Amino acid sequence: MSVTFSAGLTGEPVNMNNANAAHVLSALGYYETYGAEDAGLFLGRVLLALALAPQDAGRPAAGDGRYIDCGRPQGYTQERLMQLHGLAATAQASGRRVTWG
């Protein structure tokens, strides 16, 4: 399963698997894997997360025989925050909200 961030505009939405989306949303101060926010407020959270977040060291893949967590490569959080920055800036300029779910 995955979580998609969008503003209903043309262009690529930002898509992440559930575990990585939960990690990025936590860095933004959101704790639900679905929601909507004013683009300007979302952009502010992205900028704050980028300013406060140290370089993401990543996380190795792991599994227990039933479930596989594909992990997260080094720098993943910052890369995704930069993508969300672009999405939020475009949404703000267009008067749109950022949604995810």
PDB file of N, CA and C in Angstrom:
ATOM      1  N   MET A   1       0.842  -1.172   0.000  1.00  0.00           N
ATOM      2  CA  MET A   1       0.000   0.000   0.000  1.00  0.00           C
ATOM      3  C   MET A   1       0.889   1.236   0.000  1.00  0.00           C
ATOM      4  N   SER A   2       0.282   2.354  -0.351  1.00  0.00           N
ATOM      5  CA  SER A   2       1.070   3.572  -0.435  1.00  0.00           C
ATOM      6  C   SER A   2       0.236   4.786  -0.070  1.00  0.00           C
ATOM      7  N   VAL A   3       0.926   5.884   0.129  1.00  0.00           N
ATOM      8  CA  VAL A   3       0.314   7.179   0.417  1.00  0.00           C
ATOM      9  C   VAL A   3       0.754   8.120  -0.692  1.00  0.00           C
ATOM     10  N   THR A   4      -0.210   8.829  -1.273  1.00  0.00           N
ATOM     11  CA  THR A   4       0.068   9.775  -2.351  1.00  0.00           C
ATOM     12  C   THR A   4      -0.238  11.184  -1.881  1.00  0.00           C
ATOM     13  N   PHE A   5       0.724  12.076  -2.076  1.00  0.00           N
ATOM     14  CA  PHE A   5       0.566  13.500  -1.792  1.00  0.00           C
ATOM     15  C   PHE A   5       0.243  14.182  -3.114  1.00  0.00           C
ATOM     16  N   SER A   6      -0.786  15.022  -3.114  1.00  0.00           N
ATOM     17  CA  SER A   6      -1.208  15.654  -4.360  1.00  0.00           C
ATOM     18  C   SER A   6      -1.864  16.998  -4.049  1.00  0.00           C
ATOM     19  N   ALA A   7      -1.988  17.796  -5.098  1.00  0.00           N
ATOM     20  CA  ALA A   7      -2.733  19.050  -5.005  1.00  0.00           C
ATOM     21  C   ALA A   7      -3.761  19.126  -6.121  1.00  0.00           C
ATOM     22  N   GLY A   8      -4.002  18.008  -6.786  1.00  0.00           N
ATOM     23  CA  GLY A   8      -4.969  17.972  -7.874  1.00  0.00           C
ATOM     24  C   GLY A   8      -4.534  18.766  -9.088  1.00  0.00           C
ATOM     25  N   LEU A   9      -3.239  18.917  -9.271  1.00  0.00           N
ATOM     26  CA  LEU A   9      -2.693  19.678 -10.395  1.00  0.00           C
ATOM     27  C   LEU A   9      -2.007  18.727 -11.362  1.00  0.00           C
ATOM     28  N   THR A  10      -1.735  19.207 -12.545  1.00  0.00           N
ATOM     29  CA  THR A  10      -0.964  18.388 -13.474  1.00  0.00           C
ATOM     30  C   THR A  10       0.446  18.227 -12.938  1.00  0.00           C
ATOM     31  N   GLY A  11       1.090  17.189 -13.323  1.00  0.00           N
ATOM     32  CA  GLY A  11       2.428  16.906 -12.826  1.00  0.00           C
ATOM     33  C   GLY A  11       2.397  15.670 -11.942  1.00  0.00           C
ATOM     34  N   GLU A  12       3.531  15.302 -11.506  1.00  0.00           N
ATOM     35  CA  GLU A  12       3.670  14.083 -10.733  1.00  0.00           C
ATOM     36  C   GLU A  12       3.284  14.306  -9.271  1.00  0.00           C
ATOM     37  N   PRO A  13       2.397  13.462  -8.735  1.00  0.00           N
ATOM     38  CA  PRO A  13       2.191  13.490  -7.288  1.00  0.00           C
ATOM     39  C   PRO A  13       3.392  12.812  -6.610  1.00  0.00           C
ATOM     40  N   VAL A  14       3.510  12.961  -5.323  1.00  0.00           N
ATOM     41  CA  VAL A  14       4.590  12.331  -4.563  1.00  0.00           C
ATOM     42  C   VAL A  14       3.996  11.099  -3.889  1.00  0.00           C
ATOM     43  N   ASN A  15       4.555   9.929  -4.187  1.00  0.00           N
ATOM     44  CA  ASN A  15       4.028   8.666  -3.690  1.00  0.00           C
ATOM     45  C   ASN A  15       5.088   7.960  -2.847  1.00  0.00           C
ATOM     46  N   MET A  16       4.663   7.429  -1.690  1.00  0.00           N
ATOM     47  CA  MET A  16       5.568   6.709  -0.787  1.00  0.00           C
ATOM     48  C   MET A  16       4.863   5.486  -0.229  1.00  0.00           C
ATOM     49  N   ASN A  17       5.638   4.470   0.150  1.00  0.00           N
ATOM     50  CA  ASN A  17       4.995   3.346   0.821  1.00  0.00           C
ATOM     51  C   ASN A  17       4.543   3.796   2.206  1.00  0.00           C
ATOM     52  N   ASN A  18       3.660   3.038   2.817  1.00  0.00           N
ATOM     53  CA  ASN A  18       3.051   3.458   4.084  1.00  0.00           C
ATOM     54  C   ASN A  18       4.070   3.748   5.180  1.00  0.00           C
ATOM     55  N   ALA A  19       5.057   2.875   5.344  1.00  0.00           N
ATOM     56  CA  ALA A  19       6.037   3.069   6.416  1.00  0.00           C
ATOM     57  C   ALA A  19       6.847   4.337   6.201  1.00  0.00           C
ATOM     58  N   ASN A  20       7.307   4.562   4.991  1.00  0.00           N
ATOM     59  CA  ASN A  20       8.097   5.761   4.716  1.00  0.00           C
ATOM     60  C   ASN A  20       7.239   7.017   4.773  1.00  0.00           C
ATOM     61  N   ALA A  21       5.996   6.930   4.326  1.00  0.00           N
ATOM     62  CA  ALA A  21       5.091   8.080   4.420  1.00  0.00           C
ATOM     63  C   ALA A  21       4.839   8.441   5.884  1.00  0.00           C
ATOM     64  N   ALA A  22       4.645   7.429   6.725  1.00  0.00           N
ATOM     65  CA  ALA A  22       4.436   7.694   8.151  1.00  0.00           C
ATOM     66  C   ALA A  22       5.654   8.387   8.750  1.00  0.00           C
ATOM     67  N   HIS A  23       6.843   7.976   8.328  1.00  0.00           N
ATOM     68  CA  HIS A  23       8.077   8.602   8.807  1.00  0.00           C
ATOM     69  C   HIS A  23       8.148  10.079   8.378  1.00  0.00           C
ATOM     70  N   VAL A  24       7.873  10.348   7.114  1.00  0.00           N
ATOM     71  CA  VAL A  24       7.926  11.719   6.603  1.00  0.00           C
ATOM     72  C   VAL A  24       6.820  12.569   7.230  1.00  0.00           C
ATOM     73  N   LEU A  25       5.619  12.009   7.339  1.00  0.00           N
ATOM     74  CA  LEU A  25       4.519  12.746   7.966  1.00  0.00           C
ATOM     75  C   LEU A  25       4.846  13.087   9.418  1.00  0.00           C
ATOM     76  N   SER A  26       5.501  12.172  10.115  1.00  0.00           N
ATOM     77  CA  SER A  26       5.912  12.443  11.495  1.00  0.00           C
ATOM     78  C   SER A  26       6.892  13.608  11.547  1.00  0.00           C
ATOM     79  N   ALA A  27       7.819  13.656  10.591  1.00  0.00           N
ATOM     80  CA  ALA A  27       8.762  14.782  10.529  1.00  0.00           C
ATOM     81  C   ALA A  27       8.032  16.103  10.302  1.00  0.00           C
ATOM     82  N   LEU A  28       6.868  16.026   9.646  1.00  0.00           N
ATOM     83  CA  LEU A  28       6.056  17.224   9.387  1.00  0.00           C
ATOM     84  C   LEU A  28       5.101  17.544  10.535  1.00  0.00           C
ATOM     85  N   GLY A  29       5.019  16.661  11.517  1.00  0.00           N
ATOM     86  CA  GLY A  29       4.115  16.872  12.644  1.00  0.00           C
ATOM     87  C   GLY A  29       2.707  16.376  12.395  1.00  0.00           C
ATOM     88  N   TYR A  30       2.523  15.529  11.407  1.00  0.00           N
ATOM     89  CA  TYR A  30       1.224  14.906  11.125  1.00  0.00           C
ATOM     90  C   TYR A  30       1.307  13.440  11.552  1.00  0.00           C
ATOM     91  N   TYR A  31       0.215  12.906  12.064  1.00  0.00           N
ATOM     92  CA  TYR A  31       0.250  11.532  12.563  1.00  0.00           C
ATOM     93  C   TYR A  31      -0.842  10.658  11.978  1.00  0.00           C
ATOM     94  N   GLU A  32      -1.466  11.091  10.908  1.00  0.00           N
ATOM     95  CA  GLU A  32      -2.435  10.293  10.162  1.00  0.00           C
ATOM     96  C   GLU A  32      -1.919  10.117   8.748  1.00  0.00           C
ATOM     97  N   THR A  33      -2.151   8.959   8.160  1.00  0.00           N
ATOM     98  CA  THR A  33      -1.677   8.716   6.794  1.00  0.00           C
ATOM     99  C   THR A  33      -2.685   9.191   5.757  1.00  0.00           C
ATOM    100  N   TYR A  34      -3.596  10.042   6.159  1.00  0.00           N
ATOM    101  CA  TYR A  34      -4.525  10.691   5.243  1.00  0.00           C
ATOM    102  C   TYR A  34      -4.833  12.067   5.805  1.00  0.00           C
ATOM    103  N   GLY A  35      -5.093  13.020   4.942  1.00  0.00           N
ATOM    104  CA  GLY A  35      -5.437  14.352   5.409  1.00  0.00           C
ATOM    105  C   GLY A  35      -5.355  15.382   4.302  1.00  0.00           C
ATOM    106  N   ALA A  36      -5.571  16.625   4.693  1.00  0.00           N
ATOM    107  CA  ALA A  36      -5.498  17.760   3.776  1.00  0.00           C
ATOM    108  C   ALA A  36      -5.074  18.977   4.588  1.00  0.00           C
ATOM    109  N   GLU A  37      -4.332  19.865   3.943  1.00  0.00           N
ATOM    110  CA  GLU A  37      -3.842  21.062   4.632  1.00  0.00           C
ATOM    111  C   GLU A  37      -3.719  22.196   3.633  1.00  0.00           C
ATOM    112  N   ASP A  38      -3.923  23.402   4.108  1.00  0.00           N
ATOM    113  CA  ASP A  38      -3.663  24.595   3.319  1.00  0.00           C
ATOM    114  C   ASP A  38      -2.216  24.525   2.827  1.00  0.00           C
ATOM    115  N   ALA A  39      -1.997  24.818   1.559  1.00  0.00           N
ATOM    116  CA  ALA A  39      -0.664  24.670   0.966  1.00  0.00           C
ATOM    117  C   ALA A  39       0.378  25.529   1.676  1.00  0.00           C
ATOM    118  N   GLY A  40       0.015  26.731   2.079  1.00  0.00           N
ATOM    119  CA  GLY A  40       0.969  27.593   2.770  1.00  0.00           C
ATOM    120  C   GLY A  40       1.386  27.024   4.117  1.00  0.00           C
ATOM    121  N   LEU A  41       0.433  26.460   4.860  1.00  0.00           N
ATOM    122  CA  LEU A  41       0.757  25.844   6.146  1.00  0.00           C
ATOM    123  C   LEU A  41       1.592  24.580   5.952  1.00  0.00           C
ATOM    124  N   PHE A  42       1.240  23.798   4.929  1.00  0.00           N
ATOM    125  CA  PHE A  42       2.006  22.586   4.626  1.00  0.00           C
ATOM    126  C   PHE A  42       3.438  22.954   4.243  1.00  0.00           C
ATOM    127  N   LEU A  43       3.584  23.979   3.417  1.00  0.00           N
ATOM    128  CA  LEU A  43       4.910  24.442   3.001  1.00  0.00           C
ATOM    129  C   LEU A  43       5.727  24.883   4.217  1.00  0.00           C
ATOM    130  N   GLY A  44       5.097  25.573   5.146  1.00  0.00           N
ATOM    131  CA  GLY A  44       5.785  25.987   6.367  1.00  0.00           C
ATOM    132  C   GLY A  44       6.292  24.799   7.170  1.00  0.00           C
ATOM    133  N   ARG A  45       5.492  23.742   7.256  1.00  0.00           N
ATOM    134  CA  ARG A  45       5.925  22.532   7.967  1.00  0.00           C
ATOM    135  C   ARG A  45       7.087  21.861   7.246  1.00  0.00           C
ATOM    136  N   VAL A  46       7.030  21.855   5.912  1.00  0.00           N
ATOM    137  CA  VAL A  46       8.124  21.262   5.135  1.00  0.00           C
ATOM    138  C   VAL A  46       9.417  22.041   5.393  1.00  0.00           C
ATOM    139  N   LEU A  47       9.355  23.358   5.341  1.00  0.00           N
ATOM    140  CA  LEU A  47      10.551  24.177   5.575  1.00  0.00           C
ATOM    141  C   LEU A  47      11.095  23.973   6.983  1.00  0.00           C
ATOM    142  N   LEU A  48      10.219  23.872   7.961  1.00  0.00           N
ATOM    143  CA  LEU A  48      10.648  23.634   9.339  1.00  0.00           C
ATOM    144  C   LEU A  48      11.307  22.260   9.463  1.00  0.00           C
ATOM    145  N   ALA A  49      10.702  21.243   8.855  1.00  0.00           N
ATOM    146  CA  ALA A  49      11.275  19.890   8.908  1.00  0.00           C
ATOM    147  C   ALA A  49      12.643  19.853   8.237  1.00  0.00           C
ATOM    148  N   LEU A  50      12.783  20.542   7.108  1.00  0.00           N
ATOM    149  CA  LEU A  50      14.085  20.584   6.435  1.00  0.00           C
ATOM    150  C   LEU A  50      15.137  21.287   7.301  1.00  0.00           C
ATOM    151  N   ALA A  51      14.728  22.314   8.019  1.00  0.00           N
ATOM    152  CA  ALA A  51      15.668  23.050   8.863  1.00  0.00           C
ATOM    153  C   ALA A  51      16.077  22.247  10.098  1.00  0.00           C
ATOM    154  N   LEU A  52      15.166  21.437  10.617  1.00  0.00           N
ATOM    155  CA  LEU A  52      15.430  20.717  11.864  1.00  0.00           C
ATOM    156  C   LEU A  52      15.957  19.309  11.674  1.00  0.00           C
ATOM    157  N   ALA A  53      15.680  18.706  10.537  1.00  0.00           N
ATOM    158  CA  ALA A  53      16.019  17.294  10.340  1.00  0.00           C
ATOM    159  C   ALA A  53      17.487  17.117   9.999  1.00  0.00           C
ATOM    160  N   PRO A  54      18.166  16.275  10.772  1.00  0.00           N
ATOM    161  CA  PRO A  54      19.529  15.930  10.361  1.00  0.00           C
ATOM    162  C   PRO A  54      19.467  15.027   9.128  1.00  0.00           C
ATOM    163  N   GLN A  55      20.588  14.794   8.497  1.00  0.00           N
ATOM    164  CA  GLN A  55      20.630  13.915   7.336  1.00  0.00           C
ATOM    165  C   GLN A  55      20.109  12.534   7.735  1.00  0.00           C
ATOM    166  N   ASP A  56      19.157  12.024   6.989  1.00  0.00           N
ATOM    167  CA  ASP A  56      18.560  10.719   7.252  1.00  0.00           C
ATOM    168  C   ASP A  56      19.596   9.630   6.998  1.00  0.00           C
ATOM    169  N   ALA A  57      19.888   8.847   8.011  1.00  0.00           N
ATOM    170  CA  ALA A  57      20.862   7.762   7.883  1.00  0.00           C
ATOM    171  C   ALA A  57      20.269   6.552   7.177  1.00  0.00           C
ATOM    172  N   GLY A  58      18.952   6.550   6.986  1.00  0.00           N
ATOM    173  CA  GLY A  58      18.303   5.430   6.336  1.00  0.00           C
ATOM    174  C   GLY A  58      17.988   4.322   7.322  1.00  0.00           C
ATOM    175  N   ARG A  59      17.458   3.235   6.789  1.00  0.00           N
ATOM    176  CA  ARG A  59      17.100   2.082   7.618  1.00  0.00           C
ATOM    177  C   ARG A  59      17.198   0.844   6.735  1.00  0.00           C
ATOM    178  N   PRO A  60      17.866  -0.205   7.197  1.00  0.00           N
ATOM    179  CA  PRO A  60      18.006  -1.399   6.357  1.00  0.00           C
ATOM    180  C   PRO A  60      16.673  -2.140   6.213  1.00  0.00           C
ATOM    181  N   ALA A  61      16.560  -2.901   5.150  1.00  0.00           N
ATOM    182  CA  ALA A  61      15.384  -3.751   4.950  1.00  0.00           C
ATOM    183  C   ALA A  61      15.360  -4.826   6.021  1.00  0.00           C
ATOM    184  N   ALA A  62      14.144  -5.251   6.375  1.00  0.00           N
ATOM    185  CA  ALA A  62      13.978  -6.291   7.398  1.00  0.00           C
ATOM    186  C   ALA A  62      12.695  -7.051   7.117  1.00  0.00           C
ATOM    187  N   GLY A  63      12.608  -8.247   7.634  1.00  0.00           N
ATOM    188  CA  GLY A  63      11.402  -9.046   7.467  1.00  0.00           C
ATOM    189  C   GLY A  63      11.294 -10.075   8.566  1.00  0.00           C
ATOM    190  N   ASP A  64      10.071 -10.566   8.761  1.00  0.00           N
ATOM    191  CA  ASP A  64       9.847 -11.585   9.790  1.00  0.00           C
ATOM    192  C   ASP A  64       9.248 -12.869   9.194  1.00  0.00           C
ATOM    193  N   GLY A  65       9.316 -13.020   7.882  1.00  0.00           N
ATOM    194  CA  GLY A  65       8.753 -14.190   7.225  1.00  0.00           C
ATOM    195  C   GLY A  65       7.360 -13.959   6.660  1.00  0.00           C
ATOM    196  N   ARG A  66       6.628 -13.040   7.267  1.00  0.00           N
ATOM    197  CA  ARG A  66       5.292 -12.697   6.778  1.00  0.00           C
ATOM    198  C   ARG A  66       5.257 -11.298   6.187  1.00  0.00           C
ATOM    199  N   TYR A  67       6.059 -10.429   6.725  1.00  0.00           N
ATOM    200  CA  TYR A  67       6.038  -9.013   6.358  1.00  0.00           C
ATOM    201  C   TYR A  67       7.456  -8.582   6.000  1.00  0.00           C
ATOM    202  N   ILE A  68       7.601  -7.826   4.943  1.00  0.00           N
ATOM    203  CA  ILE A  68       8.911  -7.306   4.542  1.00  0.00           C
ATOM    204  C   ILE A  68       8.849  -5.783   4.549  1.00  0.00           C
ATOM    205  N   ASP A  69       9.765  -5.184   5.280  1.00  0.00           N
ATOM    206  CA  ASP A  69       9.927  -3.732   5.277  1.00  0.00           C
ATOM    207  C   ASP A  69      11.135  -3.456   4.390  1.00  0.00           C
ATOM    208  N   CYS A  70      10.919  -2.772   3.298  1.00  0.00           N
ATOM    209  CA  CYS A  70      11.993  -2.547   2.320  1.00  0.00           C
ATOM    210  C   CYS A  70      13.031  -1.539   2.784  1.00  0.00           C
ATOM    211  N   GLY A  71      12.830  -0.952   3.952  1.00  0.00           N
ATOM    212  CA  GLY A  71      13.805  -0.014   4.488  1.00  0.00           C
ATOM    213  C   GLY A  71      13.696   1.351   3.833  1.00  0.00           C
ATOM    214  N   ARG A  72      14.731   2.145   4.044  1.00  0.00           N
ATOM    215  CA  ARG A  72      14.764   3.520   3.543  1.00  0.00           C
ATOM    216  C   ARG A  72      16.215   3.870   3.248  1.00  0.00           C
ATOM    217  N   PRO A  73      16.530   4.305   2.036  1.00  0.00           N
ATOM    218  CA  PRO A  73      17.926   4.647   1.724  1.00  0.00           C
ATOM    219  C   PRO A  73      18.382   5.921   2.447  1.00  0.00           C
ATOM    220  N   GLN A  74      19.673   6.064   2.576  1.00  0.00           N
ATOM    221  CA  GLN A  74      20.252   7.252   3.189  1.00  0.00           C
ATOM    222  C   GLN A  74      19.791   8.501   2.439  1.00  0.00           C
ATOM    223  N   GLY A  75      19.394   9.542   3.167  1.00  0.00           N
ATOM    224  CA  GLY A  75      18.965  10.804   2.568  1.00  0.00           C
ATOM    225  C   GLY A  75      17.523  10.811   2.088  1.00  0.00           C
ATOM    226  N   TYR A  76      16.794   9.730   2.310  1.00  0.00           N
ATOM    227  CA  TYR A  76      15.423   9.600   1.810  1.00  0.00           C
ATOM    228  C   TYR A  76      14.517  10.722   2.318  1.00  0.00           C
ATOM    229  N   THR A  77      14.570  10.994   3.608  1.00  0.00           N
ATOM    230  CA  THR A  77      13.664  11.990   4.188  1.00  0.00           C
ATOM    231  C   THR A  77      13.870  13.350   3.546  1.00  0.00           C
ATOM    232  N   GLN A  78      15.112  13.780   3.413  1.00  0.00           N
ATOM    233  CA  GLN A  78      15.375  15.087   2.828  1.00  0.00           C
ATOM    234  C   GLN A  78      14.950  15.132   1.352  1.00  0.00           C
ATOM    235  N   GLU A  79      15.188  14.045   0.625  1.00  0.00           N
ATOM    236  CA  GLU A  79      14.773  13.993  -0.778  1.00  0.00           C
ATOM    237  C   GLU A  79      13.256  14.133  -0.904  1.00  0.00           C
ATOM    238  N   ARG A  80      12.528  13.415  -0.079  1.00  0.00           N
ATOM    239  CA  ARG A  80      11.067  13.488  -0.138  1.00  0.00           C
ATOM    240  C   ARG A  80      10.555  14.843   0.345  1.00  0.00           C
ATOM    241  N   LEU A  81      11.190  15.411   1.356  1.00  0.00           N
ATOM    242  CA  LEU A  81      10.780  16.743   1.812  1.00  0.00           C
ATOM    243  C   LEU A  81      10.983  17.778   0.706  1.00  0.00           C
ATOM    244  N   MET A  82      12.051  17.652  -0.061  1.00  0.00           N
ATOM    245  CA  MET A  82      12.271  18.578  -1.176  1.00  0.00           C
ATOM    246  C   MET A  82      11.190  18.398  -2.251  1.00  0.00           C
ATOM    247  N   GLN A  83      10.784  17.162  -2.507  1.00  0.00           N
ATOM    248  CA  GLN A  83       9.692  16.931  -3.461  1.00  0.00           C
ATOM    249  C   GLN A  83       8.396  17.542  -2.939  1.00  0.00           C
ATOM    250  N   LEU A  84       8.132  17.370  -1.644  1.00  0.00           N
ATOM    251  CA  LEU A  84       6.924  17.952  -1.056  1.00  0.00           C
ATOM    252  C   LEU A  84       6.994  19.477  -1.042  1.00  0.00           C
ATOM    253  N   HIS A  85       8.192  20.030  -0.925  1.00  0.00           N
ATOM    254  CA  HIS A  85       8.370  21.477  -1.004  1.00  0.00           C
ATOM    255  C   HIS A  85       7.895  21.980  -2.367  1.00  0.00           C
ATOM    256  N   GLY A  86       8.333  21.310  -3.428  1.00  0.00           N
ATOM    257  CA  GLY A  86       7.906  21.698  -4.777  1.00  0.00           C
ATOM    258  C   GLY A  86       6.402  21.572  -4.959  1.00  0.00           C
ATOM    259  N   LEU A  87       5.839  20.477  -4.465  1.00  0.00           N
ATOM    260  CA  LEU A  87       4.398  20.263  -4.564  1.00  0.00           C
ATOM    261  C   LEU A  87       3.641  21.355  -3.815  1.00  0.00           C
ATOM    262  N   ALA A  88       4.071  21.658  -2.586  1.00  0.00           N
ATOM    263  CA  ALA A  88       3.388  22.662  -1.771  1.00  0.00           C
ATOM    264  C   ALA A  88       3.515  24.062  -2.370  1.00  0.00           C
ATOM    265  N   ALA A  89       4.686  24.394  -2.897  1.00  0.00           N
ATOM    266  CA  ALA A  89       4.871  25.714  -3.511  1.00  0.00           C
ATOM    267  C   ALA A  89       3.977  25.872  -4.727  1.00  0.00           C
ATOM    268  N   THR A  90       3.877  24.836  -5.548  1.00  0.00           N
ATOM    269  CA  THR A  90       2.994  24.873  -6.717  1.00  0.00           C
ATOM    270  C   THR A  90       1.536  24.972  -6.285  1.00  0.00           C
ATOM    271  N   ALA A  91       1.171  24.207  -5.279  1.00  0.00           N
ATOM    272  CA  ALA A  91      -0.202  24.250  -4.780  1.00  0.00           C
ATOM    273  C   ALA A  91      -0.543  25.627  -4.218  1.00  0.00           C
ATOM    274  N   GLN A  92       0.398  26.211  -3.486  1.00  0.00           N
ATOM    275  CA  GLN A  92       0.158  27.539  -2.913  1.00  0.00           C
ATOM    276  C   GLN A  92      -0.032  28.578  -4.013  1.00  0.00           C
ATOM    277  N   ALA A  93       0.796  28.523  -5.040  1.00  0.00           N
ATOM    278  CA  ALA A  93       0.686  29.476  -6.147  1.00  0.00           C
ATOM    279  C   ALA A  93      -0.620  29.308  -6.901  1.00  0.00           C
ATOM    280  N   SER A  94      -1.202  28.124  -6.843  1.00  0.00           N
ATOM    281  CA  SER A  94      -2.457  27.842  -7.548  1.00  0.00           C
ATOM    282  C   SER A  94      -3.677  27.938  -6.640  1.00  0.00           C
ATOM    283  N   GLY A  95      -3.455  28.273  -5.370  1.00  0.00           N
ATOM    284  CA  GLY A  95      -4.569  28.379  -4.433  1.00  0.00           C
ATOM    285  C   GLY A  95      -5.195  27.038  -4.075  1.00  0.00           C
ATOM    286  N   ARG A  96      -4.407  25.963  -4.131  1.00  0.00           N
ATOM    287  CA  ARG A  96      -4.900  24.612  -3.863  1.00  0.00           C
ATOM    288  C   ARG A  96      -4.445  24.139  -2.480  1.00  0.00           C
ATOM    289  N   ARG A  97      -5.090  23.089  -2.004  1.00  0.00           N
ATOM    290  CA  ARG A  97      -4.688  22.412  -0.779  1.00  0.00           C
ATOM    291  C   ARG A  97      -3.817  21.211  -1.126  1.00  0.00           C
ATOM    292  N   VAL A  98      -2.982  20.816  -0.182  1.00  0.00           N
ATOM    293  CA  VAL A  98      -2.218  19.575  -0.334  1.00  0.00           C
ATOM    294  C   VAL A  98      -2.993  18.486   0.372  1.00  0.00           C
ATOM    295  N   THR A  99      -3.210  17.378  -0.308  1.00  0.00           N
ATOM    296  CA  THR A  99      -3.901  16.244   0.278  1.00  0.00           C
ATOM    297  C   THR A  99      -2.976  15.033   0.267  1.00  0.00           C
ATOM    298  N   TRP A 100      -3.228  14.111   1.156  1.00  0.00           N
ATOM    299  CA  TRP A 100      -2.483  12.859   1.173  1.00  0.00           C
ATOM    300  C   TRP A 100      -3.387  11.744   1.676  1.00  0.00           C
ATOM    301  N   GLY A 101      -3.091  10.573   1.213  1.00  0.00           N
ATOM    302  CA  GLY A 101      -3.863   9.403   1.621  1.00  0.00           C
ATOM    303  C   GLY A 101      -3.674   8.286   0.645  1.00  0.00           C
TER     304      GLY A 101
END
